[in-house]
Amino acid sequence: MGVERERESVRVENLYTETILEFVHGSIEPGSVICTDGLNSYLVLPLEGYVHDRVISSKSKETVYELLPGVHCVASLLKRWLLGTHQGVVSPQHLNYCLDEFAFRFNRRMSRHRGKLFYRLIQ
């Protein structure tokens, strides 16, 4: 279908309701709170047993950064990393691997035991 699963990585190929639901059912426990933007494809989430926190930036006086600061931070760091490290060139076949590396580095950026990163990777 529209969700490509490869190892632990999941890539959502389009924003159709069916594709989003396939991803949500395979990744998120029912009853969880899902915070999204105003895309209409997400409107079915409450019907599927999820709590939907819909944030529409155009209807708010707050900036996008104030509404979803974590998302803004990760997206800007990812763009900077792709443009810097990979010089803006990542083929579709390698995108999941690049995103996995970014997630690995991002999740360990505050580690007090940075010398153990290689050891943890080998484990």
PDB file of N, CA and C in Angstrom:
ATOM      1  N   MET A   1       0.834  -1.183   0.000  1.00  0.00           N
ATOM      2  CA  MET A   1       0.000   0.000   0.000  1.00  0.00           C
ATOM      3  C   MET A   1       0.875   1.242   0.000  1.00  0.00           C
ATOM      4  N   GLY A   2       0.521   2.275   0.752  1.00  0.00           N
ATOM      5  CA  GLY A   2       1.270   3.523   0.738  1.00  0.00           C
ATOM      6  C   GLY A   2       2.303   3.653   1.831  1.00  0.00           C
ATOM      7  N   VAL A   3       2.400   2.662   2.715  1.00  0.00           N
ATOM      8  CA  VAL A   3       3.382   2.722   3.788  1.00  0.00           C
ATOM      9  C   VAL A   3       4.442   1.685   3.513  1.00  0.00           C
ATOM     10  N   GLU A   4       5.677   2.155   3.357  1.00  0.00           N
ATOM     11  CA  GLU A   4       6.785   1.257   3.061  1.00  0.00           C
ATOM     12  C   GLU A   4       7.523   0.950   4.356  1.00  0.00           C
ATOM     13  N   ARG A   5       7.536  -0.315   4.757  1.00  0.00           N
ATOM     14  CA  ARG A   5       8.223  -0.707   5.994  1.00  0.00           C
ATOM     15  C   ARG A   5       9.526  -1.394   5.636  1.00  0.00           C
ATOM     16  N   GLU A   6      10.592  -0.876   6.213  1.00  0.00           N
ATOM     17  CA  GLU A   6      11.920  -1.420   5.968  1.00  0.00           C
ATOM     18  C   GLU A   6      12.639  -1.414   7.306  1.00  0.00           C
ATOM     19  N   ARG A   7      12.989  -2.574   7.821  1.00  0.00           N
ATOM     20  CA  ARG A   7      13.569  -2.690   9.155  1.00  0.00           C
ATOM     21  C   ARG A   7      12.673  -1.990  10.162  1.00  0.00           C
ATOM     22  N   GLU A   8      13.221  -1.077  10.938  1.00  0.00           N
ATOM     23  CA  GLU A   8      12.456  -0.313  11.919  1.00  0.00           C
ATOM     24  C   GLU A   8      11.872   0.951  11.308  1.00  0.00           C
ATOM     25  N   SER A   9      12.386   1.364  10.164  1.00  0.00           N
ATOM     26  CA  SER A   9      11.958   2.618   9.546  1.00  0.00           C
ATOM     27  C   SER A   9      10.617   2.456   8.855  1.00  0.00           C
ATOM     28  N   VAL A  10       9.857   3.526   8.881  1.00  0.00           N
ATOM     29  CA  VAL A  10       8.573   3.544   8.198  1.00  0.00           C
ATOM     30  C   VAL A  10       8.493   4.855   7.419  1.00  0.00           C
ATOM     31  N   ARG A  11       8.182   4.747   6.149  1.00  0.00           N
ATOM     32  CA  ARG A  11       8.018   5.939   5.316  1.00  0.00           C
ATOM     33  C   ARG A  11       6.583   5.990   4.836  1.00  0.00           C
ATOM     34  N   VAL A  12       5.912   7.092   5.117  1.00  0.00           N
ATOM     35  CA  VAL A  12       4.546   7.293   4.653  1.00  0.00           C
ATOM     36  C   VAL A  12       4.637   7.950   3.284  1.00  0.00           C
ATOM     37  N   GLU A  13       4.161   7.261   2.274  1.00  0.00           N
ATOM     38  CA  GLU A  13       4.334   7.692   0.884  1.00  0.00           C
ATOM     39  C   GLU A  13       3.411   8.825   0.459  1.00  0.00           C
ATOM     40  N   ASN A  14       2.253   8.954   1.098  1.00  0.00           N
ATOM     41  CA  ASN A  14       1.331  10.023   0.729  1.00  0.00           C
ATOM     42  C   ASN A  14       0.486  10.384   1.942  1.00  0.00           C
ATOM     43  N   LEU A  15      -0.358  11.391   1.797  1.00  0.00           N
ATOM     44  CA  LEU A  15      -1.153  11.876   2.923  1.00  0.00           C
ATOM     45  C   LEU A  15      -2.630  11.529   2.810  1.00  0.00           C
ATOM     46  N   TYR A  16      -2.935  10.461   2.090  1.00  0.00           N
ATOM     47  CA  TYR A  16      -4.316   9.996   2.012  1.00  0.00           C
ATOM     48  C   TYR A  16      -4.716   9.384   3.357  1.00  0.00           C
ATOM     49  N   THR A  17      -5.982   9.496   3.683  1.00  0.00           N
ATOM     50  CA  THR A  17      -6.487   8.989   4.961  1.00  0.00           C
ATOM     51  C   THR A  17      -6.144   7.518   5.166  1.00  0.00           C
ATOM     52  N   GLU A  18      -6.313   6.693   4.140  1.00  0.00           N
ATOM     53  CA  GLU A  18      -6.052   5.253   4.259  1.00  0.00           C
ATOM     54  C   GLU A  18      -4.584   4.981   4.604  1.00  0.00           C
ATOM     55  N   THR A  19      -3.689   5.718   3.968  1.00  0.00           N
ATOM     56  CA  THR A  19      -2.258   5.534   4.213  1.00  0.00           C
ATOM     57  C   THR A  19      -1.888   5.965   5.625  1.00  0.00           C
ATOM     58  N   ILE A  20      -2.426   7.088   6.054  1.00  0.00           N
ATOM     59  CA  ILE A  20      -2.151   7.576   7.408  1.00  0.00           C
ATOM     60  C   ILE A  20      -2.690   6.598   8.445  1.00  0.00           C
ATOM     61  N   LEU A  21      -3.884   6.077   8.219  1.00  0.00           N
ATOM     62  CA  LEU A  21      -4.445   5.109   9.165  1.00  0.00           C
ATOM     63  C   LEU A  21      -3.621   3.833   9.230  1.00  0.00           C
ATOM     64  N   GLU A  22      -3.108   3.385   8.094  1.00  0.00           N
ATOM     65  CA  GLU A  22      -2.251   2.198   8.086  1.00  0.00           C
ATOM     66  C   GLU A  22      -1.015   2.428   8.960  1.00  0.00           C
ATOM     67  N   PHE A  23      -0.408   3.606   8.823  1.00  0.00           N
ATOM     68  CA  PHE A  23       0.758   3.943   9.637  1.00  0.00           C
ATOM     69  C   PHE A  23       0.381   4.037  11.121  1.00  0.00           C
ATOM     70  N   VAL A  24      -0.696   4.750  11.417  1.00  0.00           N
ATOM     71  CA  VAL A  24      -1.112   4.950  12.808  1.00  0.00           C
ATOM     72  C   VAL A  24      -1.433   3.621  13.475  1.00  0.00           C
ATOM     73  N   HIS A  25      -2.186   2.753  12.807  1.00  0.00           N
ATOM     74  CA  HIS A  25      -2.546   1.451  13.391  1.00  0.00           C
ATOM     75  C   HIS A  25      -1.306   0.596  13.667  1.00  0.00           C
ATOM     76  N   GLY A  26      -0.294   0.710  12.818  1.00  0.00           N
ATOM     77  CA  GLY A  26       0.913  -0.092  12.990  1.00  0.00           C
ATOM     78  C   GLY A  26       1.940   0.500  13.935  1.00  0.00           C
ATOM     79  N   SER A  27       1.747   1.756  14.350  1.00  0.00           N
ATOM     80  CA  SER A  27       2.789   2.435  15.122  1.00  0.00           C
ATOM     81  C   SER A  27       2.344   3.001  16.462  1.00  0.00           C
ATOM     82  N   ILE A  28       1.049   3.253  16.632  1.00  0.00           N
ATOM     83  CA  ILE A  28       0.582   3.988  17.805  1.00  0.00           C
ATOM     84  C   ILE A  28      -0.536   3.211  18.499  1.00  0.00           C
ATOM     85  N   GLU A  29      -0.432   3.104  19.807  1.00  0.00           N
ATOM     86  CA  GLU A  29      -1.431   2.389  20.602  1.00  0.00           C
ATOM     87  C   GLU A  29      -2.759   3.149  20.596  1.00  0.00           C
ATOM     88  N   PRO A  30      -3.881   2.437  20.438  1.00  0.00           N
ATOM     89  CA  PRO A  30      -5.191   3.092  20.545  1.00  0.00           C
ATOM     90  C   PRO A  30      -5.332   3.766  21.900  1.00  0.00           C
ATOM     91  N   GLY A  31      -5.984   4.911  21.904  1.00  0.00           N
ATOM     92  CA  GLY A  31      -6.149   5.688  23.128  1.00  0.00           C
ATOM     93  C   GLY A  31      -5.071   6.741  23.309  1.00  0.00           C
ATOM     94  N   SER A  32      -4.009   6.676  22.498  1.00  0.00           N
ATOM     95  CA  SER A  32      -2.926   7.655  22.588  1.00  0.00           C
ATOM     96  C   SER A  32      -3.381   9.012  22.067  1.00  0.00           C
ATOM     97  N   VAL A  33      -2.721  10.059  22.538  1.00  0.00           N
ATOM     98  CA  VAL A  33      -2.973  11.409  22.044  1.00  0.00           C
ATOM     99  C   VAL A  33      -2.074  11.636  20.835  1.00  0.00           C
ATOM    100  N   ILE A  34      -2.676  12.030  19.719  1.00  0.00           N
ATOM    101  CA  ILE A  34      -1.926  12.314  18.504  1.00  0.00           C
ATOM    102  C   ILE A  34      -2.105  13.792  18.188  1.00  0.00           C
ATOM    103  N   CYS A  35      -0.997  14.528  18.217  1.00  0.00           N
ATOM    104  CA  CYS A  35      -1.017  15.958  17.930  1.00  0.00           C
ATOM    105  C   CYS A  35      -0.630  16.152  16.462  1.00  0.00           C
ATOM    106  N   THR A  36      -1.509  16.776  15.679  1.00  0.00           N
ATOM    107  CA  THR A  36      -1.263  16.961  14.251  1.00  0.00           C
ATOM    108  C   THR A  36      -1.526  18.404  13.845  1.00  0.00           C
ATOM    109  N   ASP A  37      -1.197  18.683  12.587  1.00  0.00           N
ATOM    110  CA  ASP A  37      -1.572  19.969  12.013  1.00  0.00           C
ATOM    111  C   ASP A  37      -3.025  19.881  11.545  1.00  0.00           C
ATOM    112  N   GLY A  38      -3.466  20.814  10.730  1.00  0.00           N
ATOM    113  CA  GLY A  38      -4.872  20.880  10.347  1.00  0.00           C
ATOM    114  C   GLY A  38      -5.277  20.046   9.152  1.00  0.00           C
ATOM    115  N   LEU A  39      -4.421  19.139   8.681  1.00  0.00           N
ATOM    116  CA  LEU A  39      -4.742  18.325   7.519  1.00  0.00           C
ATOM    117  C   LEU A  39      -6.015  17.515   7.747  1.00  0.00           C
ATOM    118  N   ASN A  40      -6.939  17.572   6.789  1.00  0.00           N
ATOM    119  CA  ASN A  40      -8.233  16.885   6.936  1.00  0.00           C
ATOM    120  C   ASN A  40      -8.106  15.363   6.995  1.00  0.00           C
ATOM    121  N   SER A  41      -7.036  14.807   6.490  1.00  0.00           N
ATOM    122  CA  SER A  41      -6.852  13.348   6.525  1.00  0.00           C
ATOM    123  C   SER A  41      -6.802  12.809   7.947  1.00  0.00           C
ATOM    124  N   TYR A  42      -6.503  13.661   8.912  1.00  0.00           N
ATOM    125  CA  TYR A  42      -6.411  13.230  10.308  1.00  0.00           C
ATOM    126  C   TYR A  42      -7.751  13.239  11.036  1.00  0.00           C
ATOM    127  N   LEU A  43      -8.791  13.741  10.407  1.00  0.00           N
ATOM    128  CA  LEU A  43     -10.080  13.896  11.089  1.00  0.00           C
ATOM    129  C   LEU A  43     -10.697  12.574  11.527  1.00  0.00           C
ATOM    130  N   VAL A  44     -10.278  11.459  10.933  1.00  0.00           N
ATOM    131  CA  VAL A  44     -10.840  10.146  11.296  1.00  0.00           C
ATOM    132  C   VAL A  44     -10.198   9.554  12.544  1.00  0.00           C
ATOM    133  N   LEU A  45      -9.128  10.149  13.043  1.00  0.00           N
ATOM    134  CA  LEU A  45      -8.421   9.575  14.193  1.00  0.00           C
ATOM    135  C   LEU A  45      -9.318   9.343  15.411  1.00  0.00           C
ATOM    136  N   PRO A  46     -10.195  10.281  15.797  1.00  0.00           N
ATOM    137  CA  PRO A  46     -11.072   9.998  16.943  1.00  0.00           C
ATOM    138  C   PRO A  46     -12.010   8.813  16.695  1.00  0.00           C
ATOM    139  N   LEU A  47     -12.411   8.605  15.450  1.00  0.00           N
ATOM    140  CA  LEU A  47     -13.281   7.475  15.123  1.00  0.00           C
ATOM    141  C   LEU A  47     -12.550   6.137  15.249  1.00  0.00           C
ATOM    142  N   GLU A  48     -11.216   6.191  15.212  1.00  0.00           N
ATOM    143  CA  GLU A  48     -10.389   4.988  15.302  1.00  0.00           C
ATOM    144  C   GLU A  48      -9.896   4.726  16.727  1.00  0.00           C
ATOM    145  N   GLY A  49     -10.340   5.523  17.693  1.00  0.00           N
ATOM    146  CA  GLY A  49      -9.985   5.287  19.091  1.00  0.00           C
ATOM    147  C   GLY A  49      -8.794   6.076  19.595  1.00  0.00           C
ATOM    148  N   TYR A  50      -8.402   7.129  18.891  1.00  0.00           N
ATOM    149  CA  TYR A  50      -7.282   7.969  19.307  1.00  0.00           C
ATOM    150  C   TYR A  50      -7.807   9.324  19.766  1.00  0.00           C
ATOM    151  N   VAL A  51      -7.050   9.966  20.653  1.00  0.00           N
ATOM    152  CA  VAL A  51      -7.364  11.331  21.062  1.00  0.00           C
ATOM    153  C   VAL A  51      -6.617  12.246  20.098  1.00  0.00           C
ATOM    154  N   HIS A  52      -7.338  13.104  19.395  1.00  0.00           N
ATOM    155  CA  HIS A  52      -6.736  13.932  18.356  1.00  0.00           C
ATOM    156  C   HIS A  52      -6.635  15.373  18.834  1.00  0.00           C
ATOM    157  N   ASP A  53      -5.401  15.867  18.956  1.00  0.00           N
ATOM    158  CA  ASP A  53      -5.134  17.258  19.309  1.00  0.00           C
ATOM    159  C   ASP A  53      -4.728  17.958  18.016  1.00  0.00           C
ATOM    160  N   ARG A  54      -5.655  18.683  17.432  1.00  0.00           N
ATOM    161  CA  ARG A  54      -5.450  19.315  16.119  1.00  0.00           C
ATOM    162  C   ARG A  54      -4.992  20.752  16.309  1.00  0.00           C
ATOM    163  N   VAL A  55      -3.834  21.096  15.743  1.00  0.00           N
ATOM    164  CA  VAL A  55      -3.265  22.436  15.853  1.00  0.00           C
ATOM    165  C   VAL A  55      -3.288  23.073  14.470  1.00  0.00           C
ATOM    166  N   ILE A  56      -4.060  24.147  14.332  1.00  0.00           N
ATOM    167  CA  ILE A  56      -4.142  24.856  13.058  1.00  0.00           C
ATOM    168  C   ILE A  56      -3.481  26.215  13.240  1.00  0.00           C
ATOM    169  N   SER A  57      -2.316  26.386  12.623  1.00  0.00           N
ATOM    170  CA  SER A  57      -1.524  27.589  12.843  1.00  0.00           C
ATOM    171  C   SER A  57      -2.175  28.845  12.268  1.00  0.00           C
ATOM    172  N   SER A  58      -2.932  28.712  11.172  1.00  0.00           N
ATOM    173  CA  SER A  58      -3.531  29.906  10.567  1.00  0.00           C
ATOM    174  C   SER A  58      -4.651  30.490  11.426  1.00  0.00           C
ATOM    175  N   LYS A  59      -5.197  29.705  12.346  1.00  0.00           N
ATOM    176  CA  LYS A  59      -6.272  30.178  13.222  1.00  0.00           C
ATOM    177  C   LYS A  59      -5.752  30.594  14.593  1.00  0.00           C
ATOM    178  N   SER A  60      -4.442  30.612  14.747  1.00  0.00           N
ATOM    179  CA  SER A  60      -3.854  30.923  16.040  1.00  0.00           C
ATOM    180  C   SER A  60      -3.029  32.201  15.947  1.00  0.00           C
ATOM    181  N   LYS A  61      -2.952  32.896  17.065  1.00  0.00           N
ATOM    182  CA  LYS A  61      -2.117  34.102  17.128  1.00  0.00           C
ATOM    183  C   LYS A  61      -0.655  33.745  17.394  1.00  0.00           C
ATOM    184  N   GLU A  62      -0.425  32.496  17.799  1.00  0.00           N
ATOM    185  CA  GLU A  62       0.936  32.051  18.075  1.00  0.00           C
ATOM    186  C   GLU A  62       1.633  31.657  16.771  1.00  0.00           C
ATOM    187  N   THR A  63       2.959  31.716  16.775  1.00  0.00           N
ATOM    188  CA  THR A  63       3.719  31.279  15.607  1.00  0.00           C
ATOM    189  C   THR A  63       3.781  29.753  15.593  1.00  0.00           C
ATOM    190  N   VAL A  64       4.166  29.201  14.457  1.00  0.00           N
ATOM    191  CA  VAL A  64       4.290  27.744  14.341  1.00  0.00           C
ATOM    192  C   VAL A  64       5.306  27.230  15.357  1.00  0.00           C
ATOM    193  N   TYR A  65       6.390  27.967  15.556  1.00  0.00           N
ATOM    194  CA  TYR A  65       7.398  27.555  16.526  1.00  0.00           C
ATOM    195  C   TYR A  65       6.810  27.470  17.930  1.00  0.00           C
ATOM    196  N   GLU A  66       5.928  28.404  18.283  1.00  0.00           N
ATOM    197  CA  GLU A  66       5.317  28.390  19.616  1.00  0.00           C
ATOM    198  C   GLU A  66       4.285  27.272  19.754  1.00  0.00           C
ATOM    199  N   LEU A  67       3.608  26.943  18.661  1.00  0.00           N
ATOM    200  CA  LEU A  67       2.582  25.900  18.708  1.00  0.00           C
ATOM    201  C   LEU A  67       3.179  24.501  18.813  1.00  0.00           C
ATOM    202  N   LEU A  68       4.210  24.229  18.012  1.00  0.00           N
ATOM    203  CA  LEU A  68       4.838  22.900  17.969  1.00  0.00           C
ATOM    204  C   LEU A  68       6.367  23.045  18.029  1.00  0.00           C
ATOM    205  N   PRO A  69       6.901  23.470  19.173  1.00  0.00           N
ATOM    206  CA  PRO A  69       8.340  23.756  19.238  1.00  0.00           C
ATOM    207  C   PRO A  69       9.228  22.541  18.987  1.00  0.00           C
ATOM    208  N   GLY A  70       8.843  21.370  19.467  1.00  0.00           N
ATOM    209  CA  GLY A  70       9.662  20.171  19.258  1.00  0.00           C
ATOM    210  C   GLY A  70       9.737  19.790  17.793  1.00  0.00           C
ATOM    211  N   VAL A  71       8.601  19.846  17.121  1.00  0.00           N
ATOM    212  CA  VAL A  71       8.555  19.505  15.704  1.00  0.00           C
ATOM    213  C   VAL A  71       9.404  20.483  14.905  1.00  0.00           C
ATOM    214  N   HIS A  72       9.277  21.765  15.219  1.00  0.00           N
ATOM    215  CA  HIS A  72      10.045  22.790  14.515  1.00  0.00           C
ATOM    216  C   HIS A  72      11.545  22.583  14.717  1.00  0.00           C
ATOM    217  N   CYS A  73      11.943  22.259  15.934  1.00  0.00           N
ATOM    218  CA  CYS A  73      13.356  22.044  16.253  1.00  0.00           C
ATOM    219  C   CYS A  73      13.923  20.855  15.474  1.00  0.00           C
ATOM    220  N   VAL A  74      13.239  19.719  15.508  1.00  0.00           N
ATOM    221  CA  VAL A  74      13.715  18.518  14.818  1.00  0.00           C
ATOM    222  C   VAL A  74      13.761  18.746  13.313  1.00  0.00           C
ATOM    223  N   ALA A  75      12.726  19.367  12.761  1.00  0.00           N
ATOM    224  CA  ALA A  75      12.689  19.602  11.317  1.00  0.00           C
ATOM    225  C   ALA A  75      13.819  20.520  10.881  1.00  0.00           C
ATOM    226  N   SER A  76      14.090  21.573  11.632  1.00  0.00           N
ATOM    227  CA  SER A  76      15.154  22.491  11.240  1.00  0.00           C
ATOM    228  C   SER A  76      16.530  21.834  11.388  1.00  0.00           C
ATOM    229  N   LEU A  77      16.736  21.040  12.438  1.00  0.00           N
ATOM    230  CA  LEU A  77      18.011  20.335  12.594  1.00  0.00           C
ATOM    231  C   LEU A  77      18.217  19.303  11.487  1.00  0.00           C
ATOM    232  N   LEU A  78      17.146  18.604  11.125  1.00  0.00           N
ATOM    233  CA  LEU A  78      17.233  17.609  10.048  1.00  0.00           C
ATOM    234  C   LEU A  78      17.586  18.283   8.726  1.00  0.00           C
ATOM    235  N   LYS A  79      16.926  19.390   8.420  1.00  0.00           N
ATOM    236  CA  LYS A  79      17.238  20.101   7.172  1.00  0.00           C
ATOM    237  C   LYS A  79      18.683  20.573   7.155  1.00  0.00           C
ATOM    238  N   ARG A  80      19.137  21.120   8.274  1.00  0.00           N
ATOM    239  CA  ARG A  80      20.520  21.594   8.348  1.00  0.00           C
ATOM    240  C   ARG A  80      21.501  20.430   8.183  1.00  0.00           C
ATOM    241  N   TRP A  81      21.198  19.288   8.794  1.00  0.00           N
ATOM    242  CA  TRP A  81      22.070  18.109   8.705  1.00  0.00           C
ATOM    243  C   TRP A  81      22.116  17.576   7.278  1.00  0.00           C
ATOM    244  N   LEU A  82      20.944  17.484   6.631  1.00  0.00           N
ATOM    245  CA  LEU A  82      20.914  16.984   5.247  1.00  0.00           C
ATOM    246  C   LEU A  82      21.639  17.917   4.298  1.00  0.00           C
ATOM    247  N   LEU A  83      21.457  19.238   4.474  1.00  0.00           N
ATOM    248  CA  LEU A  83      22.123  20.195   3.585  1.00  0.00           C
ATOM    249  C   LEU A  83      23.617  20.285   3.867  1.00  0.00           C
ATOM    250  N   GLY A  84      24.010  20.111   5.118  1.00  0.00           N
ATOM    251  CA  GLY A  84      25.425  20.205   5.470  1.00  0.00           C
ATOM    252  C   GLY A  84      26.187  18.921   5.234  1.00  0.00           C
ATOM    253  N   THR A  85      25.836  17.884   5.960  1.00  0.00           N
ATOM    254  CA  THR A  85      26.547  16.609   5.881  1.00  0.00           C
ATOM    255  C   THR A  85      26.401  15.952   4.522  1.00  0.00           C
ATOM    256  N   HIS A  86      25.194  15.953   4.010  1.00  0.00           N
ATOM    257  CA  HIS A  86      24.927  15.257   2.740  1.00  0.00           C
ATOM    258  C   HIS A  86      24.875  16.210   1.551  1.00  0.00           C
ATOM    259  N   GLN A  87      25.136  17.478   1.807  1.00  0.00           N
ATOM    260  CA  GLN A  87      25.151  18.526   0.776  1.00  0.00           C
ATOM    261  C   GLN A  87      23.867  18.532  -0.046  1.00  0.00           C
ATOM    262  N   GLY A  88      22.756  18.215   0.602  1.00  0.00           N
ATOM    263  CA  GLY A  88      21.453  18.280  -0.034  1.00  0.00           C
ATOM    264  C   GLY A  88      21.145  17.167  -1.012  1.00  0.00           C
ATOM    265  N   VAL A  89      22.007  16.144  -1.071  1.00  0.00           N
ATOM    266  CA  VAL A  89      21.802  15.058  -2.033  1.00  0.00           C
ATOM    267  C   VAL A  89      21.649  13.734  -1.282  1.00  0.00           C
ATOM    268  N   VAL A  90      20.419  13.251  -1.199  1.00  0.00           N
ATOM    269  CA  VAL A  90      20.142  11.949  -0.610  1.00  0.00           C
ATOM    270  C   VAL A  90      19.184  11.242  -1.554  1.00  0.00           C
ATOM    271  N   SER A  91      19.594  10.076  -2.045  1.00  0.00           N
ATOM    272  CA  SER A  91      18.728   9.344  -2.969  1.00  0.00           C
ATOM    273  C   SER A  91      17.576   8.714  -2.191  1.00  0.00           C
ATOM    274  N   PRO A  92      16.437   8.524  -2.853  1.00  0.00           N
ATOM    275  CA  PRO A  92      15.288   7.906  -2.174  1.00  0.00           C
ATOM    276  C   PRO A  92      15.603   6.539  -1.578  1.00  0.00           C
ATOM    277  N   GLN A  93      16.483   5.772  -2.221  1.00  0.00           N
ATOM    278  CA  GLN A  93      16.798   4.440  -1.694  1.00  0.00           C
ATOM    279  C   GLN A  93      17.620   4.508  -0.416  1.00  0.00           C
ATOM    280  N   HIS A  94      18.294   5.618  -0.166  1.00  0.00           N
ATOM    281  CA  HIS A  94      19.112   5.762   1.041  1.00  0.00           C
ATOM    282  C   HIS A  94      18.475   6.660   2.100  1.00  0.00           C
ATOM    283  N   LEU A  95      17.309   7.227   1.802  1.00  0.00           N
ATOM    284  CA  LEU A  95      16.689   8.171   2.722  1.00  0.00           C
ATOM    285  C   LEU A  95      16.417   7.552   4.090  1.00  0.00           C
ATOM    286  N   ASN A  96      15.877   6.347   4.143  1.00  0.00           N
ATOM    287  CA  ASN A  96      15.590   5.727   5.446  1.00  0.00           C
ATOM    288  C   ASN A  96      16.855   5.553   6.279  1.00  0.00           C
ATOM    289  N   TYR A  97      17.951   5.180   5.650  1.00  0.00           N
ATOM    290  CA  TYR A  97      19.206   5.006   6.385  1.00  0.00           C
ATOM    291  C   TYR A  97      19.719   6.336   6.933  1.00  0.00           C
ATOM    292  N   CYS A  98      19.583   7.389   6.134  1.00  0.00           N
ATOM    293  CA  CYS A  98      20.000   8.717   6.590  1.00  0.00           C
ATOM    294  C   CYS A  98      19.137   9.183   7.760  1.00  0.00           C
ATOM    295  N   LEU A  99      17.834   8.931   7.677  1.00  0.00           N
ATOM    296  CA  LEU A  99      16.944   9.320   8.767  1.00  0.00           C
ATOM    297  C   LEU A  99      17.218   8.508  10.031  1.00  0.00           C
ATOM    298  N   ASP A 100      17.559   7.223   9.864  1.00  0.00           N
ATOM    299  CA  ASP A 100      17.929   6.396  11.017  1.00  0.00           C
ATOM    300  C   ASP A 100      19.180   6.953  11.694  1.00  0.00           C
ATOM    301  N   GLU A 101      20.163   7.343  10.898  1.00  0.00           N
ATOM    302  CA  GLU A 101      21.396   7.906  11.466  1.00  0.00           C
ATOM    303  C   GLU A 101      21.096   9.214  12.185  1.00  0.00           C
ATOM    304  N   PHE A 102      20.270  10.056  11.572  1.00  0.00           N
ATOM    305  CA  PHE A 102      19.903  11.320  12.209  1.00  0.00           C
ATOM    306  C   PHE A 102      19.222  11.058  13.553  1.00  0.00           C
ATOM    307  N   ALA A 103      18.274  10.113  13.587  1.00  0.00           N
ATOM    308  CA  ALA A 103      17.566   9.795  14.827  1.00  0.00           C
ATOM    309  C   ALA A 103      18.532   9.267  15.888  1.00  0.00           C
ATOM    310  N   PHE A 104      19.475   8.416  15.470  1.00  0.00           N
ATOM    311  CA  PHE A 104      20.473   7.889  16.399  1.00  0.00           C
ATOM    312  C   PHE A 104      21.279   9.022  17.010  1.00  0.00           C
ATOM    313  N   ARG A 105      21.761   9.928  16.165  1.00  0.00           N
ATOM    314  CA  ARG A 105      22.571  11.049  16.654  1.00  0.00           C
ATOM    315  C   ARG A 105      21.734  12.010  17.511  1.00  0.00           C
ATOM    316  N   PHE A 106      20.506  12.315  17.051  1.00  0.00           N
ATOM    317  CA  PHE A 106      19.645  13.245  17.783  1.00  0.00           C
ATOM    318  C   PHE A 106      19.312  12.703  19.168  1.00  0.00           C
ATOM    319  N   ASN A 107      18.982  11.436  19.269  1.00  0.00           N
ATOM    320  CA  ASN A 107      18.598  10.850  20.550  1.00  0.00           C
ATOM    321  C   ASN A 107      19.759  10.749  21.528  1.00  0.00           C
ATOM    322  N   ARG A 108      20.972  10.865  21.050  1.00  0.00           N
ATOM    323  CA  ARG A 108      22.149  10.751  21.924  1.00  0.00           C
ATOM    324  C   ARG A 108      22.930  12.052  22.036  1.00  0.00           C
ATOM    325  N   ARG A 109      22.355  13.167  21.607  1.00  0.00           N
ATOM    326  CA  ARG A 109      23.070  14.439  21.569  1.00  0.00           C
ATOM    327  C   ARG A 109      23.407  14.961  22.956  1.00  0.00           C
ATOM    328  N   MET A 110      22.645  14.571  23.968  1.00  0.00           N
ATOM    329  CA  MET A 110      22.891  15.050  25.331  1.00  0.00           C
ATOM    330  C   MET A 110      23.548  13.985  26.212  1.00  0.00           C
ATOM    331  N   SER A 111      23.980  12.901  25.629  1.00  0.00           N
ATOM    332  CA  SER A 111      24.542  11.785  26.397  1.00  0.00           C
ATOM    333  C   SER A 111      25.789  12.220  27.159  1.00  0.00           C
ATOM    334  N   ARG A 112      25.868  11.808  28.400  1.00  0.00           N
ATOM    335  CA  ARG A 112      27.055  12.108  29.201  1.00  0.00           C
ATOM    336  C   ARG A 112      28.178  11.114  28.922  1.00  0.00           C
ATOM    337  N   HIS A 113      27.843  10.008  28.268  1.00  0.00           N
ATOM    338  CA  HIS A 113      28.830   8.966  27.999  1.00  0.00           C
ATOM    339  C   HIS A 113      28.996   8.802  26.490  1.00  0.00           C
ATOM    340  N   ARG A 114      29.451   9.861  25.840  1.00  0.00           N
ATOM    341  CA  ARG A 114      29.553   9.849  24.381  1.00  0.00           C
ATOM    342  C   ARG A 114      30.545   8.814  23.877  1.00  0.00           C
ATOM    343  N   GLY A 115      31.505   8.450  24.691  1.00  0.00           N
ATOM    344  CA  GLY A 115      32.476   7.442  24.296  1.00  0.00           C
ATOM    345  C   GLY A 115      31.859   6.065  24.120  1.00  0.00           C
ATOM    346  N   LYS A 116      30.696   5.853  24.700  1.00  0.00           N
ATOM    347  CA  LYS A 116      30.031   4.562  24.600  1.00  0.00           C
ATOM    348  C   LYS A 116      29.098   4.467  23.395  1.00  0.00           C
ATOM    349  N   LEU A 117      29.024   5.523  22.561  1.00  0.00           N
ATOM    350  CA  LEU A 117      28.117   5.504  21.416  1.00  0.00           C
ATOM    351  C   LEU A 117      28.440   4.348  20.477  1.00  0.00           C
ATOM    352  N   PHE A 118      29.715   4.156  20.177  1.00  0.00           N
ATOM    353  CA  PHE A 118      30.093   3.075  19.271  1.00  0.00           C
ATOM    354  C   PHE A 118      29.759   1.732  19.897  1.00  0.00           C
ATOM    355  N   TYR A 119      30.026   1.584  21.183  1.00  0.00           N
ATOM    356  CA  TYR A 119      29.707   0.349  21.899  1.00  0.00           C
ATOM    357  C   TYR A 119      28.215   0.048  21.838  1.00  0.00           C
ATOM    358  N   ARG A 120      27.362   1.067  22.067  1.00  0.00           N
ATOM    359  CA  ARG A 120      25.916   0.887  22.000  1.00  0.00           C
ATOM    360  C   ARG A 120      25.459   0.536  20.585  1.00  0.00           C
ATOM    361  N   LEU A 121      26.089   1.123  19.594  1.00  0.00           N
ATOM    362  CA  LEU A 121      25.742   0.832  18.213  1.00  0.00           C
ATOM    363  C   LEU A 121      26.044  -0.621  17.876  1.00  0.00           C
ATOM    364  N   ILE A 122      27.167  -1.144  18.356  1.00  0.00           N
ATOM    365  CA  ILE A 122      27.547  -2.532  18.097  1.00  0.00           C
ATOM    366  C   ILE A 122      26.577  -3.491  18.781  1.00  0.00           C
ATOM    367  N   GLN A 123      26.094  -3.109  19.982  1.00  0.00           N
ATOM    368  CA  GLN A 123      25.134  -3.959  20.698  1.00  0.00           C
ATOM    369  C   GLN A 123      23.879  -4.113  19.882  1.00  0.00           C
TER     370      GLN A 123
END
